[in-house]
Amino acid sequence: MDTDTPLTHKTKTIGCKVTEEEYDKFVKLADSANLTISEYFRAAIMNNETFVVQKEIMSKDKRNLIYLFNKTSNNMNQLAKSVNIAHNSGNMNEKLSLQVLRELQLIRIALHTYIESC
């Protein structure tokens, strides 16, 4: 395809990781076009010779909601762990139960408030 003449000498590298299956597929596609993998990708991208589905662009609200769900799930896991440890060690009591219940209520309120604001 391209030869490395002084005007077209390539000095920059673009890389990405792929699975074995993806790599094998790329090799077959490049081989069937009688190109190296680099030449195949260059042709596919620069000459728009392939169909690429555009990745969904998430809205700010969706990103924030995912962040809130991740943070919430981490908090709930920490609560579950503390209850499990207390239960297994025989230290589970009403005070801890009420504290965990309050934390769960705060999580519910935070989620409900954010969802209502969207």
N, C-alpha and C. Protein backbone atom coordinates (compact mmCIF):
# COMPACT_ATOMS: atom_id res chain seq x y z
N MET A 1 0.83 -1.18 0.00
CA MET A 1 0.00 0.00 0.00
C MET A 1 0.87 1.24 0.00
N ASP A 2 1.29 1.74 1.19
CA ASP A 2 2.18 2.90 1.27
C ASP A 2 3.61 2.41 1.39
N THR A 3 4.52 3.15 0.80
CA THR A 3 5.93 2.86 1.02
C THR A 3 6.47 3.99 1.86
N ASP A 4 7.47 3.71 2.65
CA ASP A 4 8.03 4.73 3.53
C ASP A 4 9.06 5.57 2.79
N THR A 5 8.60 6.52 2.03
CA THR A 5 9.48 7.48 1.39
C THR A 5 9.67 8.62 2.37
N PRO A 6 10.64 9.52 2.13
CA PRO A 6 10.84 10.62 3.06
C PRO A 6 9.57 11.44 3.30
N LEU A 7 8.68 11.52 2.31
CA LEU A 7 7.46 12.31 2.48
C LEU A 7 6.39 11.55 3.25
N THR A 8 6.46 10.22 3.27
CA THR A 8 5.42 9.45 3.94
C THR A 8 5.95 8.63 5.11
N HIS A 9 7.14 8.92 5.58
CA HIS A 9 7.72 8.17 6.68
C HIS A 9 6.82 8.28 7.91
N LYS A 10 6.47 7.14 8.45
CA LYS A 10 5.55 7.11 9.59
C LYS A 10 6.35 7.14 10.89
N THR A 11 6.03 8.10 11.74
CA THR A 11 6.77 8.25 12.99
C THR A 11 5.89 8.07 14.22
N LYS A 12 4.60 8.00 14.05
CA LYS A 12 3.68 7.88 15.19
C LYS A 12 3.04 6.50 15.21
N THR A 13 2.81 5.99 16.40
CA THR A 13 2.19 4.68 16.57
C THR A 13 0.87 4.84 17.30
N ILE A 14 -0.13 4.12 16.82
CA ILE A 14 -1.42 4.06 17.50
C ILE A 14 -1.63 2.61 17.88
N GLY A 15 -1.97 2.34 19.12
CA GLY A 15 -2.14 0.96 19.55
C GLY A 15 -3.44 0.75 20.30
N CYS A 16 -3.88 -0.48 20.29
CA CYS A 16 -5.03 -0.87 21.10
C CYS A 16 -4.92 -2.36 21.39
N LYS A 17 -5.50 -2.78 22.48
CA LYS A 17 -5.47 -4.20 22.84
C LYS A 17 -6.72 -4.87 22.31
N VAL A 18 -6.56 -6.10 21.85
CA VAL A 18 -7.67 -6.88 21.32
C VAL A 18 -7.59 -8.30 21.88
N THR A 19 -8.70 -9.02 21.81
CA THR A 19 -8.71 -10.42 22.23
C THR A 19 -8.06 -11.27 21.15
N GLU A 20 -7.77 -12.52 21.48
CA GLU A 20 -7.21 -13.44 20.49
C GLU A 20 -8.16 -13.58 19.30
N GLU A 21 -9.46 -13.69 19.59
CA GLU A 21 -10.45 -13.86 18.53
C GLU A 21 -10.48 -12.63 17.61
N GLU A 22 -10.45 -11.44 18.21
CA GLU A 22 -10.45 -10.21 17.41
C GLU A 22 -9.20 -10.13 16.55
N TYR A 23 -8.05 -10.47 17.16
CA TYR A 23 -6.79 -10.42 16.43
C TYR A 23 -6.84 -11.36 15.22
N ASP A 24 -7.32 -12.58 15.46
CA ASP A 24 -7.41 -13.55 14.37
C ASP A 24 -8.30 -13.03 13.24
N LYS A 25 -9.40 -12.39 13.61
CA LYS A 25 -10.31 -11.85 12.60
C LYS A 25 -9.62 -10.73 11.81
N PHE A 26 -8.89 -9.85 12.50
CA PHE A 26 -8.18 -8.76 11.81
C PHE A 26 -7.12 -9.32 10.86
N VAL A 27 -6.41 -10.34 11.31
CA VAL A 27 -5.38 -10.95 10.45
C VAL A 27 -6.03 -11.53 9.19
N LYS A 28 -7.14 -12.23 9.35
CA LYS A 28 -7.84 -12.81 8.19
C LYS A 28 -8.32 -11.73 7.23
N LEU A 29 -8.88 -10.65 7.78
CA LEU A 29 -9.35 -9.56 6.93
C LEU A 29 -8.20 -8.92 6.16
N ALA A 30 -7.09 -8.68 6.87
CA ALA A 30 -5.93 -8.07 6.22
C ALA A 30 -5.35 -9.01 5.17
N ASP A 31 -5.22 -10.29 5.52
CA ASP A 31 -4.70 -11.27 4.56
C ASP A 31 -5.57 -11.36 3.31
N SER A 32 -6.88 -11.35 3.51
CA SER A 32 -7.77 -11.47 2.35
C SER A 32 -7.66 -10.26 1.43
N ALA A 33 -7.22 -9.13 1.98
CA ALA A 33 -7.00 -7.93 1.16
C ALA A 33 -5.55 -7.82 0.70
N ASN A 34 -4.73 -8.83 1.06
CA ASN A 34 -3.31 -8.84 0.72
C ASN A 34 -2.60 -7.61 1.29
N LEU A 35 -2.96 -7.27 2.54
CA LEU A 35 -2.37 -6.12 3.23
C LEU A 35 -1.82 -6.56 4.58
N THR A 36 -0.89 -5.76 5.10
CA THR A 36 -0.48 -5.97 6.48
C THR A 36 -1.62 -5.45 7.37
N ILE A 37 -1.57 -5.79 8.64
CA ILE A 37 -2.61 -5.29 9.55
C ILE A 37 -2.57 -3.77 9.60
N SER A 38 -1.37 -3.19 9.64
CA SER A 38 -1.26 -1.73 9.65
C SER A 38 -1.87 -1.12 8.40
N GLU A 39 -1.56 -1.70 7.26
CA GLU A 39 -2.11 -1.18 6.00
C GLU A 39 -3.63 -1.32 5.98
N TYR A 40 -4.12 -2.45 6.50
CA TYR A 40 -5.56 -2.68 6.53
C TYR A 40 -6.26 -1.62 7.37
N PHE A 41 -5.74 -1.38 8.59
CA PHE A 41 -6.36 -0.37 9.45
C PHE A 41 -6.26 1.02 8.85
N ARG A 42 -5.10 1.33 8.28
CA ARG A 42 -4.94 2.64 7.66
C ARG A 42 -5.97 2.84 6.55
N ALA A 43 -6.13 1.84 5.70
CA ALA A 43 -7.10 1.94 4.60
C ALA A 43 -8.52 2.03 5.14
N ALA A 44 -8.82 1.21 6.13
CA ALA A 44 -10.17 1.20 6.68
C ALA A 44 -10.53 2.55 7.29
N ILE A 45 -9.60 3.14 8.01
CA ILE A 45 -9.89 4.40 8.70
C ILE A 45 -9.73 5.60 7.78
N MET A 46 -8.62 5.70 7.10
CA MET A 46 -8.36 6.89 6.29
C MET A 46 -9.23 6.96 5.04
N ASN A 47 -9.57 5.81 4.46
CA ASN A 47 -10.38 5.80 3.24
C ASN A 47 -11.84 5.49 3.53
N ASN A 48 -12.16 5.39 4.82
CA ASN A 48 -13.53 5.11 5.25
C ASN A 48 -14.07 3.87 4.52
N GLU A 49 -13.26 2.82 4.48
CA GLU A 49 -13.64 1.61 3.77
C GLU A 49 -14.23 0.56 4.69
N THR A 50 -14.79 0.98 5.79
CA THR A 50 -15.42 0.04 6.70
C THR A 50 -16.59 0.71 7.37
N PHE A 51 -17.47 -0.06 7.94
CA PHE A 51 -18.63 0.46 8.63
C PHE A 51 -18.37 0.36 10.13
N VAL A 52 -18.37 1.47 10.81
CA VAL A 52 -18.13 1.50 12.24
C VAL A 52 -19.36 2.09 12.91
N VAL A 53 -19.86 1.40 13.92
CA VAL A 53 -21.01 1.90 14.67
C VAL A 53 -20.50 2.88 15.71
N GLN A 54 -21.07 4.07 15.71
CA GLN A 54 -20.62 5.09 16.65
C GLN A 54 -21.01 4.70 18.07
N LYS A 55 -20.07 4.86 18.97
CA LYS A 55 -20.30 4.56 20.36
C LYS A 55 -21.28 5.58 20.93
N GLU A 56 -22.19 5.09 21.78
CA GLU A 56 -23.18 5.97 22.38
C GLU A 56 -22.49 7.03 23.23
N ILE A 57 -22.92 8.27 23.06
CA ILE A 57 -22.41 9.35 23.89
C ILE A 57 -23.39 9.54 25.03
N MET A 58 -22.92 9.30 26.23
CA MET A 58 -23.80 9.39 27.38
C MET A 58 -24.06 10.83 27.77
N SER A 59 -25.28 11.09 28.17
CA SER A 59 -25.61 12.42 28.67
C SER A 59 -24.97 12.61 30.04
N LYS A 60 -24.86 13.85 30.46
CA LYS A 60 -24.28 14.16 31.76
C LYS A 60 -25.14 13.53 32.86
N ASP A 61 -26.47 13.57 32.69
CA ASP A 61 -27.35 12.97 33.69
C ASP A 61 -27.11 11.47 33.80
N LYS A 62 -26.94 10.81 32.67
CA LYS A 62 -26.71 9.36 32.69
C LYS A 62 -25.38 9.03 33.35
N ARG A 63 -24.33 9.80 33.03
CA ARG A 63 -23.02 9.58 33.67
C ARG A 63 -23.13 9.78 35.18
N ASN A 64 -23.83 10.86 35.58
CA ASN A 64 -23.99 11.14 37.01
C ASN A 64 -24.80 10.05 37.71
N LEU A 65 -25.82 9.54 37.03
CA LEU A 65 -26.64 8.49 37.61
C LEU A 65 -25.83 7.20 37.78
N ILE A 66 -25.03 6.86 36.80
CA ILE A 66 -24.17 5.67 36.91
C ILE A 66 -23.17 5.85 38.05
N TYR A 67 -22.60 7.05 38.17
CA TYR A 67 -21.67 7.34 39.27
C TYR A 67 -22.38 7.15 40.61
N LEU A 68 -23.60 7.71 40.72
CA LEU A 68 -24.35 7.62 41.96
C LEU A 68 -24.69 6.16 42.29
N PHE A 69 -25.10 5.39 41.28
CA PHE A 69 -25.40 3.97 41.51
C PHE A 69 -24.15 3.21 41.96
N ASN A 70 -23.01 3.50 41.34
CA ASN A 70 -21.76 2.83 41.74
C ASN A 70 -21.39 3.18 43.18
N LYS A 71 -21.49 4.46 43.51
CA LYS A 71 -21.16 4.91 44.86
C LYS A 71 -22.12 4.28 45.87
N THR A 72 -23.40 4.26 45.52
CA THR A 72 -24.42 3.69 46.39
C THR A 72 -24.19 2.20 46.61
N SER A 73 -23.88 1.49 45.54
CA SER A 73 -23.66 0.04 45.69
C SER A 73 -22.44 -0.23 46.57
N ASN A 74 -21.41 0.61 46.46
CA ASN A 74 -20.25 0.45 47.33
C ASN A 74 -20.64 0.67 48.79
N ASN A 75 -21.44 1.72 49.05
CA ASN A 75 -21.89 1.99 50.41
C ASN A 75 -22.72 0.84 50.96
N MET A 76 -23.61 0.30 50.13
CA MET A 76 -24.45 -0.81 50.57
C MET A 76 -23.61 -2.06 50.85
N ASN A 77 -22.59 -2.29 50.04
CA ASN A 77 -21.69 -3.43 50.30
C ASN A 77 -20.95 -3.26 51.62
N GLN A 78 -20.52 -2.03 51.92
CA GLN A 78 -19.85 -1.77 53.19
C GLN A 78 -20.79 -2.01 54.36
N LEU A 79 -22.05 -1.57 54.21
CA LEU A 79 -23.04 -1.81 55.27
C LEU A 79 -23.27 -3.30 55.46
N ALA A 80 -23.43 -4.02 54.36
CA ALA A 80 -23.66 -5.47 54.45
C ALA A 80 -22.48 -6.16 55.12
N LYS A 81 -21.27 -5.73 54.78
CA LYS A 81 -20.08 -6.34 55.39
C LYS A 81 -20.05 -6.08 56.89
N SER A 82 -20.36 -4.85 57.30
CA SER A 82 -20.32 -4.54 58.73
C SER A 82 -21.38 -5.33 59.49
N VAL A 83 -22.57 -5.50 58.90
CA VAL A 83 -23.62 -6.29 59.54
C VAL A 83 -23.20 -7.76 59.61
N ASN A 84 -22.61 -8.27 58.54
CA ASN A 84 -22.17 -9.66 58.50
C ASN A 84 -21.10 -9.93 59.55
N ILE A 85 -20.14 -9.02 59.65
CA ILE A 85 -19.08 -9.18 60.65
C ILE A 85 -19.66 -9.15 62.06
N ALA A 86 -20.56 -8.18 62.31
CA ALA A 86 -21.17 -8.08 63.63
C ALA A 86 -21.99 -9.32 63.95
N HIS A 87 -22.73 -9.81 62.99
CA HIS A 87 -23.55 -11.00 63.20
C HIS A 87 -22.68 -12.23 63.49
N ASN A 88 -21.64 -12.42 62.67
CA ASN A 88 -20.77 -13.59 62.84
C ASN A 88 -19.98 -13.56 64.14
N SER A 89 -19.70 -12.36 64.65
CA SER A 89 -18.94 -12.26 65.90
C SER A 89 -19.85 -12.17 67.12
N GLY A 90 -21.17 -12.20 66.88
CA GLY A 90 -22.12 -12.14 68.00
C GLY A 90 -22.30 -10.74 68.55
N ASN A 91 -21.87 -9.72 67.80
CA ASN A 91 -21.96 -8.34 68.27
C ASN A 91 -23.11 -7.56 67.63
N MET A 92 -24.01 -8.23 66.96
CA MET A 92 -25.14 -7.55 66.34
C MET A 92 -26.08 -7.08 67.44
N ASN A 93 -26.44 -5.80 67.38
CA ASN A 93 -27.33 -5.26 68.40
C ASN A 93 -28.29 -4.25 67.78
N GLU A 94 -29.21 -3.76 68.60
CA GLU A 94 -30.23 -2.83 68.11
C GLU A 94 -29.61 -1.52 67.63
N LYS A 95 -28.59 -1.05 68.32
CA LYS A 95 -27.94 0.21 67.94
C LYS A 95 -27.37 0.11 66.52
N LEU A 96 -26.65 -0.97 66.24
CA LEU A 96 -26.07 -1.16 64.91
C LEU A 96 -27.18 -1.32 63.86
N SER A 97 -28.22 -2.07 64.21
CA SER A 97 -29.34 -2.26 63.29
C SER A 97 -29.97 -0.93 62.91
N LEU A 98 -30.20 -0.07 63.90
CA LEU A 98 -30.80 1.25 63.63
C LEU A 98 -29.86 2.13 62.81
N GLN A 99 -28.57 2.05 63.09
CA GLN A 99 -27.59 2.83 62.34
C GLN A 99 -27.58 2.41 60.86
N VAL A 100 -27.60 1.11 60.61
CA VAL A 100 -27.62 0.60 59.24
C VAL A 100 -28.92 1.00 58.55
N LEU A 101 -30.04 0.91 59.26
CA LEU A 101 -31.32 1.30 58.70
C LEU A 101 -31.32 2.78 58.32
N ARG A 102 -30.75 3.63 59.17
CA ARG A 102 -30.65 5.07 58.85
C ARG A 102 -29.81 5.30 57.60
N GLU A 103 -28.70 4.59 57.49
CA GLU A 103 -27.84 4.72 56.31
C GLU A 103 -28.58 4.30 55.04
N LEU A 104 -29.32 3.20 55.13
CA LEU A 104 -30.10 2.74 53.97
C LEU A 104 -31.18 3.75 53.60
N GLN A 105 -31.80 4.36 54.59
CA GLN A 105 -32.81 5.39 54.31
C GLN A 105 -32.18 6.60 53.64
N LEU A 106 -30.99 6.99 54.08
CA LEU A 106 -30.29 8.12 53.44
C LEU A 106 -29.95 7.80 51.99
N ILE A 107 -29.53 6.57 51.74
CA ILE A 107 -29.23 6.15 50.37
C ILE A 107 -30.49 6.23 49.52
N ARG A 108 -31.62 5.72 50.05
CA ARG A 108 -32.88 5.76 49.32
C ARG A 108 -33.29 7.19 49.01
N ILE A 109 -33.16 8.07 49.98
CA ILE A 109 -33.52 9.48 49.78
C ILE A 109 -32.63 10.12 48.72
N ALA A 110 -31.33 9.85 48.79
CA ALA A 110 -30.40 10.43 47.81
C ALA A 110 -30.73 9.96 46.40
N LEU A 111 -30.98 8.67 46.25
CA LEU A 111 -31.33 8.14 44.92
C LEU A 111 -32.65 8.73 44.43
N HIS A 112 -33.65 8.74 45.29
CA HIS A 112 -34.96 9.26 44.90
C HIS A 112 -34.86 10.74 44.51
N THR A 113 -34.14 11.52 45.30
CA THR A 113 -33.98 12.95 45.02
C THR A 113 -33.30 13.18 43.69
N TYR A 114 -32.24 12.44 43.42
CA TYR A 114 -31.53 12.63 42.15
C TYR A 114 -32.39 12.22 40.97
N ILE A 115 -33.05 11.08 41.08
CA ILE A 115 -33.89 10.61 39.97
C ILE A 115 -35.03 11.59 39.70
N GLU A 116 -35.62 12.14 40.73
CA GLU A 116 -36.70 13.12 40.55
C GLU A 116 -36.20 14.39 39.88
N SER A 117 -34.93 14.73 40.08
CA SER A 117 -34.38 15.97 39.50
C SER A 117 -34.04 15.83 38.02
N CYS A 118 -33.99 14.60 37.52
CA CYS A 118 -33.63 14.38 36.11
C CYS A 118 -34.79 14.69 35.19
